[in-house]
Amino acid sequence: MPRDVSLVITAAGESTRMKSAVRKPFLDLGGRPVLYVTLEKFARIPRIGQVILALNRADYDERDKLLSPEPPLAITDLVVGGRTRTQSVANALAALSPAARVVLIHDAVRPFVKPEVIKAVIASAEEHGAAIAAAPVRDTLKRVKDGAVTETVAREGLYCAQTPQGFRRKVIEKAYRAVSKGDFSDDALLVELFGGRVAIVESPHDNIKITTPEDLAIARAIISLPR
């Protein structure tokens, strides 16, 4: 099997909403750092031949200490993260292996992604050029202005974007070359802006991103459940 997929893990955020002295990727989750729980899911994907970790500069200076335990999936490349997520991904793309045909981009703090979702995103990215994991919206949505509801928005056809997001290498590199500055909510948006098609791979709602103390409490409850 070819090892032609490069995985970019974004772990350079400032963790301001977590209000913790420890950055989110290195918070304890079931006795291990969140980052390692995340990497474990990708260790089950044999096509991944490169793992690029974009680290906060403060963590990069201490990378030997932070990454000293054996992770479940070997990190092949470290890059310094930028001020924004978009800059961090751009730094990682500059380090892509010549063998990479598909690029996966995933948040370090989404530790519950399912391996079957990862495989489906890879396959869909190969077919369509770009694909993202996403969960269908379940709640009733209200549009609000000045503290009052102005519209109830039909949830049919609405999805919550997640990661991983996968791209043919040429597609994501072209999108990033066209960006001179700015920050974007996700990488798929760059492809959308330049007319590319982004396919959806339906993913469970428990593929959460750990951003706040409440998210961490939920994640710790999930990981403690019997398997």
C-alpha atoms as a PDB file:
ATOM      1  CA  MET A   1       0.000   0.000   0.000  1.00  0.00           C
ATOM      2  CA  PRO A   2       1.410   3.435  -0.912  1.00  0.00           C
ATOM      3  CA  ARG A   3       2.250   5.790   1.961  1.00  0.00           C
ATOM      4  CA  ASP A   4       1.135   8.841   0.017  1.00  0.00           C
ATOM      5  CA  VAL A   5      -0.933  10.702   2.629  1.00  0.00           C
ATOM      6  CA  SER A   6       0.577  13.516   4.675  1.00  0.00           C
ATOM      7  CA  LEU A   7      -1.129  14.411   7.939  1.00  0.00           C
ATOM      8  CA  VAL A   8      -0.953  17.966   9.276  1.00  0.00           C
ATOM      9  CA  ILE A   9      -1.813  18.326  12.966  1.00  0.00           C
ATOM     10  CA  THR A  10      -2.495  21.890  14.081  1.00  0.00           C
ATOM     11  CA  ALA A  11      -1.399  22.405  17.694  1.00  0.00           C
ATOM     12  CA  ALA A  12      -0.274  26.019  17.773  1.00  0.00           C
ATOM     13  CA  GLY A  13      -3.233  27.790  19.379  1.00  0.00           C
ATOM     14  CA  GLU A  14      -2.838  30.049  22.394  1.00  0.00           C
ATOM     15  CA  SER A  15      -5.495  28.128  24.409  1.00  0.00           C
ATOM     16  CA  THR A  16      -6.935  31.377  25.764  1.00  0.00           C
ATOM     17  CA  ARG A  17     -10.469  30.019  26.178  1.00  0.00           C
ATOM     18  CA  MET A  18      -9.237  27.024  28.140  1.00  0.00           C
ATOM     19  CA  LYS A  19      -7.789  29.315  30.852  1.00  0.00           C
ATOM     20  CA  SER A  20      -5.095  26.779  31.682  1.00  0.00           C
ATOM     21  CA  ALA A  21      -1.344  27.069  32.156  1.00  0.00           C
ATOM     22  CA  VAL A  22      -1.031  23.890  30.080  1.00  0.00           C
ATOM     23  CA  ARG A  23      -1.811  24.254  26.388  1.00  0.00           C
ATOM     24  CA  LYS A  24      -4.742  22.217  25.137  1.00  0.00           C
ATOM     25  CA  PRO A  25      -2.835  19.534  23.177  1.00  0.00           C
ATOM     26  CA  PHE A  26      -0.937  18.595  26.331  1.00  0.00           C
ATOM     27  CA  LEU A  27      -3.820  18.509  28.799  1.00  0.00           C
ATOM     28  CA  ASP A  28      -4.427  15.178  30.471  1.00  0.00           C
ATOM     29  CA  LEU A  29      -7.094  12.989  28.898  1.00  0.00           C
ATOM     30  CA  GLY A  30      -7.402   9.555  30.441  1.00  0.00           C
ATOM     31  CA  GLY A  31      -3.802   9.585  31.616  1.00  0.00           C
ATOM     32  CA  ARG A  32      -2.259  10.774  28.347  1.00  0.00           C
ATOM     33  CA  PRO A  33      -1.921  14.123  26.551  1.00  0.00           C
ATOM     34  CA  VAL A  34      -4.852  14.968  24.285  1.00  0.00           C
ATOM     35  CA  LEU A  35      -2.412  15.058  21.343  1.00  0.00           C
ATOM     36  CA  TYR A  36      -1.435  11.418  21.825  1.00  0.00           C
ATOM     37  CA  VAL A  37      -5.044  10.279  22.046  1.00  0.00           C
ATOM     38  CA  THR A  38      -5.621  12.062  18.741  1.00  0.00           C
ATOM     39  CA  LEU A  39      -2.541  10.594  17.063  1.00  0.00           C
ATOM     40  CA  GLU A  40      -3.595   7.112  18.103  1.00  0.00           C
ATOM     41  CA  LYS A  41      -6.599   7.303  15.778  1.00  0.00           C
ATOM     42  CA  PHE A  42      -4.403   8.080  12.782  1.00  0.00           C
ATOM     43  CA  ALA A  43      -1.917   5.323  13.648  1.00  0.00           C
ATOM     44  CA  ARG A  44      -4.542   2.916  12.269  1.00  0.00           C
ATOM     45  CA  ILE A  45      -4.308   4.423   8.775  1.00  0.00           C
ATOM     46  CA  PRO A  46      -1.436   2.682   6.932  1.00  0.00           C
ATOM     47  CA  ARG A  47      -1.402   5.140   4.029  1.00  0.00           C
ATOM     48  CA  ILE A  48      -0.138   7.964   6.249  1.00  0.00           C
ATOM     49  CA  GLY A  49       3.566   8.328   5.492  1.00  0.00           C
ATOM     50  CA  GLN A  50       4.229  11.765   6.980  1.00  0.00           C
ATOM     51  CA  VAL A  51       3.011  13.483  10.142  1.00  0.00           C
ATOM     52  CA  ILE A  52       3.665  17.222  10.400  1.00  0.00           C
ATOM     53  CA  LEU A  53       3.005  18.854  13.767  1.00  0.00           C
ATOM     54  CA  ALA A  54       2.558  22.637  13.811  1.00  0.00           C
ATOM     55  CA  LEU A  55       3.466  23.731  17.343  1.00  0.00           C
ATOM     56  CA  ASN A  56       3.130  26.967  19.249  1.00  0.00           C
ATOM     57  CA  ARG A  57       6.553  28.617  19.339  1.00  0.00           C
ATOM     58  CA  ALA A  58       6.680  28.352  23.151  1.00  0.00           C
ATOM     59  CA  ASP A  59       6.062  24.605  22.916  1.00  0.00           C
ATOM     60  CA  TYR A  60       8.482  24.237  20.018  1.00  0.00           C
ATOM     61  CA  ASP A  61      11.301  25.523  22.209  1.00  0.00           C
ATOM     62  CA  GLU A  62      10.541  22.675  24.606  1.00  0.00           C
ATOM     63  CA  ARG A  63       9.692  20.067  21.995  1.00  0.00           C
ATOM     64  CA  ASP A  64      12.109  17.428  23.269  1.00  0.00           C
ATOM     65  CA  LYS A  65      10.508  17.472  26.702  1.00  0.00           C
ATOM     66  CA  LEU A  66       6.950  17.677  25.404  1.00  0.00           C
ATOM     67  CA  LEU A  67       7.334  14.918  22.846  1.00  0.00           C
ATOM     68  CA  SER A  68       9.699  12.656  24.767  1.00  0.00           C
ATOM     69  CA  PRO A  69       7.184   9.828  25.397  1.00  0.00           C
ATOM     70  CA  GLU A  70       6.741   7.587  22.384  1.00  0.00           C
ATOM     71  CA  PRO A  71       3.623   8.790  20.559  1.00  0.00           C
ATOM     72  CA  PRO A  72       1.407   6.203  18.935  1.00  0.00           C
ATOM     73  CA  LEU A  73       2.198   7.626  15.493  1.00  0.00           C
ATOM     74  CA  ALA A  74       5.685   8.877  14.668  1.00  0.00           C
ATOM     75  CA  ILE A  75       5.887  12.634  14.140  1.00  0.00           C
ATOM     76  CA  THR A  76       8.148  13.059  11.134  1.00  0.00           C
ATOM     77  CA  ASP A  77       8.271  16.856  10.923  1.00  0.00           C
ATOM     78  CA  LEU A  78       7.881  19.762  13.349  1.00  0.00           C
ATOM     79  CA  VAL A  79       7.099  23.298  12.176  1.00  0.00           C
ATOM     80  CA  VAL A  80       6.579  26.487  14.135  1.00  0.00           C
ATOM     81  CA  GLY A  81       2.958  27.587  14.095  1.00  0.00           C
ATOM     82  CA  GLY A  82       1.981  31.039  12.938  1.00  0.00           C
ATOM     83  CA  ARG A  83      -0.140  33.686  14.606  1.00  0.00           C
ATOM     84  CA  THR A  84      -3.223  32.188  12.986  1.00  0.00           C
ATOM     85  CA  ARG A  85      -4.309  28.673  12.140  1.00  0.00           C
ATOM     86  CA  THR A  86      -4.076  29.530   8.448  1.00  0.00           C
ATOM     87  CA  GLN A  87      -0.429  30.561   8.860  1.00  0.00           C
ATOM     88  CA  SER A  88       0.296  27.360  10.779  1.00  0.00           C
ATOM     89  CA  VAL A  89      -1.126  25.225   7.979  1.00  0.00           C
ATOM     90  CA  ALA A  90       0.827  27.227   5.394  1.00  0.00           C
ATOM     91  CA  ASN A  91       4.047  26.493   7.320  1.00  0.00           C
ATOM     92  CA  ALA A  92       3.145  22.792   7.383  1.00  0.00           C
ATOM     93  CA  LEU A  93       2.367  22.692   3.652  1.00  0.00           C
ATOM     94  CA  ALA A  94       5.842  24.034   2.965  1.00  0.00           C
ATOM     95  CA  ALA A  95       7.220  20.887   4.645  1.00  0.00           C
ATOM     96  CA  LEU A  96       5.205  18.357   2.610  1.00  0.00           C
ATOM     97  CA  SER A  97       7.005  15.250   1.452  1.00  0.00           C
ATOM     98  CA  PRO A  98       7.469  14.849  -2.319  1.00  0.00           C
ATOM     99  CA  ALA A  99       5.542  11.564  -1.965  1.00  0.00           C
ATOM    100  CA  ALA A 100       2.387  13.267  -0.674  1.00  0.00           C
ATOM    101  CA  ARG A 101      -0.631  12.994  -2.961  1.00  0.00           C
ATOM    102  CA  VAL A 102      -3.326  13.627  -0.346  1.00  0.00           C
ATOM    103  CA  VAL A 103      -3.112  16.064   2.573  1.00  0.00           C
ATOM    104  CA  LEU A 104      -5.159  15.595   5.738  1.00  0.00           C
ATOM    105  CA  ILE A 105      -5.496  18.513   8.158  1.00  0.00           C
ATOM    106  CA  HIS A 106      -6.728  17.792  11.664  1.00  0.00           C
ATOM    107  CA  ASP A 107      -7.060  19.633  14.961  1.00  0.00           C
ATOM    108  CA  ALA A 108      -4.764  18.261  17.670  1.00  0.00           C
ATOM    109  CA  VAL A 109      -7.648  18.612  20.114  1.00  0.00           C
ATOM    110  CA  ARG A 110     -10.194  16.432  18.264  1.00  0.00           C
ATOM    111  CA  PRO A 111      -9.249  13.121  19.903  1.00  0.00           C
ATOM    112  CA  PHE A 112     -12.401  11.124  19.132  1.00  0.00           C
ATOM    113  CA  VAL A 113     -12.322  11.006  15.344  1.00  0.00           C
ATOM    114  CA  LYS A 114     -13.226   7.566  14.026  1.00  0.00           C
ATOM    115  CA  PRO A 115     -10.688   5.741  11.812  1.00  0.00           C
ATOM    116  CA  GLU A 116     -13.481   4.889   9.372  1.00  0.00           C
ATOM    117  CA  VAL A 117     -14.209   8.618   8.995  1.00  0.00           C
ATOM    118  CA  ILE A 118     -10.517   9.307   8.321  1.00  0.00           C
ATOM    119  CA  LYS A 119     -10.443   6.636   5.610  1.00  0.00           C
ATOM    120  CA  ALA A 120     -13.643   7.967   4.056  1.00  0.00           C
ATOM    121  CA  VAL A 121     -12.263  11.538   3.983  1.00  0.00           C
ATOM    122  CA  ILE A 122      -9.120  10.307   2.201  1.00  0.00           C
ATOM    123  CA  ALA A 123     -11.174   8.420  -0.393  1.00  0.00           C
ATOM    124  CA  SER A 124     -13.563  11.325  -0.936  1.00  0.00           C
ATOM    125  CA  ALA A 125     -10.709  13.837  -1.256  1.00  0.00           C
ATOM    126  CA  GLU A 126      -9.130  11.667  -3.927  1.00  0.00           C
ATOM    127  CA  GLU A 127     -12.418  11.496  -5.829  1.00  0.00           C
ATOM    128  CA  HIS A 128     -13.602  15.095  -5.479  1.00  0.00           C
ATOM    129  CA  GLY A 129     -10.442  17.083  -4.724  1.00  0.00           C
ATOM    130  CA  ALA A 130     -11.585  18.142  -1.256  1.00  0.00           C
ATOM    131  CA  ALA A 131     -13.641  16.577   1.513  1.00  0.00           C
ATOM    132  CA  ILE A 132     -14.448  17.315   5.142  1.00  0.00           C
ATOM    133  CA  ALA A 133     -15.849  15.441   8.093  1.00  0.00           C
ATOM    134  CA  ALA A 134     -19.095  17.071   9.218  1.00  0.00           C
ATOM    135  CA  ALA A 135     -22.056  16.337  11.475  1.00  0.00           C
ATOM    136  CA  PRO A 136     -25.649  17.217  10.560  1.00  0.00           C
ATOM    137  CA  VAL A 137     -27.172  20.021  12.607  1.00  0.00           C
ATOM    138  CA  ARG A 138     -29.690  18.628  15.102  1.00  0.00           C
ATOM    139  CA  ASP A 139     -30.879  21.709  16.988  1.00  0.00           C
ATOM    140  CA  THR A 140     -33.443  24.246  15.856  1.00  0.00           C
ATOM    141  CA  LEU A 141     -31.581  27.335  14.654  1.00  0.00           C
ATOM    142  CA  LYS A 142     -32.656  30.920  15.313  1.00  0.00           C
ATOM    143  CA  ARG A 143     -31.323  34.028  13.607  1.00  0.00           C
ATOM    144  CA  VAL A 144     -31.095  36.843  16.162  1.00  0.00           C
ATOM    145  CA  LYS A 145     -30.696  40.602  15.888  1.00  0.00           C
ATOM    146  CA  ASP A 146     -30.605  43.048  18.801  1.00  0.00           C
ATOM    147  CA  GLY A 147     -31.394  40.256  21.225  1.00  0.00           C
ATOM    148  CA  ALA A 148     -34.556  39.073  19.469  1.00  0.00           C
ATOM    149  CA  VAL A 149     -35.324  36.232  17.062  1.00  0.00           C
ATOM    150  CA  THR A 150     -35.828  37.406  13.499  1.00  0.00           C
ATOM    151  CA  GLU A 151     -36.012  34.042  11.771  1.00  0.00           C
ATOM    152  CA  THR A 152     -36.111  30.317  12.390  1.00  0.00           C
ATOM    153  CA  VAL A 153     -33.598  28.717  10.041  1.00  0.00           C
ATOM    154  CA  ALA A 154     -34.433  25.322   8.569  1.00  0.00           C
ATOM    155  CA  ARG A 155     -31.748  22.857   9.613  1.00  0.00           C
ATOM    156  CA  GLU A 156     -32.189  20.573   6.609  1.00  0.00           C
ATOM    157  CA  GLY A 157     -28.938  20.480   4.653  1.00  0.00           C
ATOM    158  CA  LEU A 158     -26.935  22.227   7.376  1.00  0.00           C
ATOM    159  CA  TYR A 159     -23.815  20.597   8.793  1.00  0.00           C
ATOM    160  CA  CYS A 160     -21.267  21.433  11.501  1.00  0.00           C
ATOM    161  CA  ALA A 161     -17.792  21.321   9.958  1.00  0.00           C
ATOM    162  CA  GLN A 162     -15.204  19.171  11.705  1.00  0.00           C
ATOM    163  CA  THR A 163     -11.791  17.771  10.926  1.00  0.00           C
ATOM    164  CA  PRO A 164     -10.102  15.924   9.352  1.00  0.00           C
ATOM    165  CA  GLN A 165     -10.331  17.844   6.139  1.00  0.00           C
ATOM    166  CA  GLY A 166      -8.682  16.174   3.179  1.00  0.00           C
ATOM    167  CA  PHE A 167      -7.405  17.515  -0.132  1.00  0.00           C
ATOM    168  CA  ARG A 168      -5.563  16.445  -3.200  1.00  0.00           C
ATOM    169  CA  ARG A 169      -2.171  18.032  -2.761  1.00  0.00           C
ATOM    170  CA  LYS A 170      -2.479  20.264  -5.822  1.00  0.00           C
ATOM    171  CA  VAL A 171      -5.897  21.527  -4.682  1.00  0.00           C
ATOM    172  CA  ILE A 172      -4.809  22.694  -1.210  1.00  0.00           C
ATOM    173  CA  GLU A 173      -1.492  24.093  -2.418  1.00  0.00           C
ATOM    174  CA  LYS A 174      -3.274  26.128  -5.104  1.00  0.00           C
ATOM    175  CA  ALA A 175      -5.738  27.482  -2.546  1.00  0.00           C
ATOM    176  CA  TYR A 176      -2.971  28.545  -0.176  1.00  0.00           C
ATOM    177  CA  ARG A 177      -0.884  30.139  -2.931  1.00  0.00           C
ATOM    178  CA  ALA A 178      -3.848  32.403  -3.677  1.00  0.00           C
ATOM    179  CA  VAL A 179      -3.957  33.653  -0.060  1.00  0.00           C
ATOM    180  CA  SER A 180      -1.675  36.563   0.721  1.00  0.00           C
ATOM    181  CA  LYS A 181      -2.962  37.299   4.206  1.00  0.00           C
ATOM    182  CA  GLY A 182      -5.891  36.716   6.519  1.00  0.00           C
ATOM    183  CA  ASP A 183      -7.266  33.960   8.699  1.00  0.00           C
ATOM    184  CA  PHE A 184      -9.990  31.542   7.651  1.00  0.00           C
ATOM    185  CA  SER A 185     -12.373  29.465   9.714  1.00  0.00           C
ATOM    186  CA  ASP A 186     -11.204  26.258   8.046  1.00  0.00           C
ATOM    187  CA  ASP A 187      -9.163  25.067   5.101  1.00  0.00           C
ATOM    188  CA  ALA A 188     -12.171  23.967   3.084  1.00  0.00           C
ATOM    189  CA  LEU A 189     -13.323  27.587   2.948  1.00  0.00           C
ATOM    190  CA  LEU A 190     -10.226  28.473   0.917  1.00  0.00           C
ATOM    191  CA  VAL A 191     -11.145  25.837  -1.635  1.00  0.00           C
ATOM    192  CA  GLU A 192     -14.752  27.058  -1.690  1.00  0.00           C
ATOM    193  CA  LEU A 193     -13.637  30.655  -2.294  1.00  0.00           C
ATOM    194  CA  PHE A 194     -11.818  29.629  -5.439  1.00  0.00           C
ATOM    195  CA  GLY A 195     -14.653  27.602  -6.881  1.00  0.00           C
ATOM    196  CA  GLY A 196     -13.623  24.151  -5.739  1.00  0.00           C
ATOM    197  CA  ARG A 197     -16.070  21.442  -4.746  1.00  0.00           C
ATOM    198  CA  VAL A 198     -15.933  20.224  -1.146  1.00  0.00           C
ATOM    199  CA  ALA A 199     -17.603  16.888  -0.431  1.00  0.00           C
ATOM    200  CA  ILE A 200     -19.096  15.913   2.930  1.00  0.00           C
ATOM    201  CA  VAL A 201     -18.271  12.787   4.915  1.00  0.00           C
ATOM    202  CA  GLU A 202     -20.837  12.399   7.674  1.00  0.00           C
ATOM    203  CA  SER A 203     -19.203  12.102  11.087  1.00  0.00           C
ATOM    204  CA  PRO A 204     -20.581  11.514  14.603  1.00  0.00           C
ATOM    205  CA  HIS A 205     -21.309  14.443  16.893  1.00  0.00           C
ATOM    206  CA  ASP A 206     -18.836  13.128  19.463  1.00  0.00           C
ATOM    207  CA  ASN A 207     -15.931  14.176  17.210  1.00  0.00           C
ATOM    208  CA  ILE A 208     -15.676  17.234  19.445  1.00  0.00           C
ATOM    209  CA  LYS A 209     -13.000  19.902  19.534  1.00  0.00           C
ATOM    210  CA  ILE A 210     -11.687  20.583  23.031  1.00  0.00           C
ATOM    211  CA  THR A 211     -11.691  24.367  23.314  1.00  0.00           C
ATOM    212  CA  THR A 212     -13.179  25.278  26.709  1.00  0.00           C
ATOM    213  CA  PRO A 213     -13.122  23.768  30.223  1.00  0.00           C
ATOM    214  CA  GLU A 214     -16.638  22.451  29.520  1.00  0.00           C
ATOM    215  CA  ASP A 215     -15.361  20.640  26.420  1.00  0.00           C
ATOM    216  CA  LEU A 216     -12.567  19.072  28.460  1.00  0.00           C
ATOM    217  CA  ALA A 217     -15.042  17.822  31.050  1.00  0.00           C
ATOM    218  CA  ILE A 218     -17.153  16.252  28.284  1.00  0.00           C
ATOM    219  CA  ALA A 219     -14.065  14.672  26.714  1.00  0.00           C
ATOM    220  CA  ARG A 220     -12.988  13.177  30.029  1.00  0.00           C
ATOM    221  CA  ALA A 221     -16.465  11.754  30.486  1.00  0.00           C
ATOM    222  CA  ILE A 222     -16.399  10.221  26.988  1.00  0.00           C
ATOM    223  CA  ILE A 223     -12.995   8.615  27.450  1.00  0.00           C
ATOM    224  CA  SER A 224     -14.031   7.121  30.776  1.00  0.00           C
ATOM    225  CA  LEU A 225     -16.957   5.240  29.223  1.00  0.00           C
ATOM    226  CA  PRO A 226     -16.598   1.455  28.932  1.00  0.00           C
ATOM    227  CA  ARG A 227     -15.451   0.281  25.502  1.00  0.00           C
END
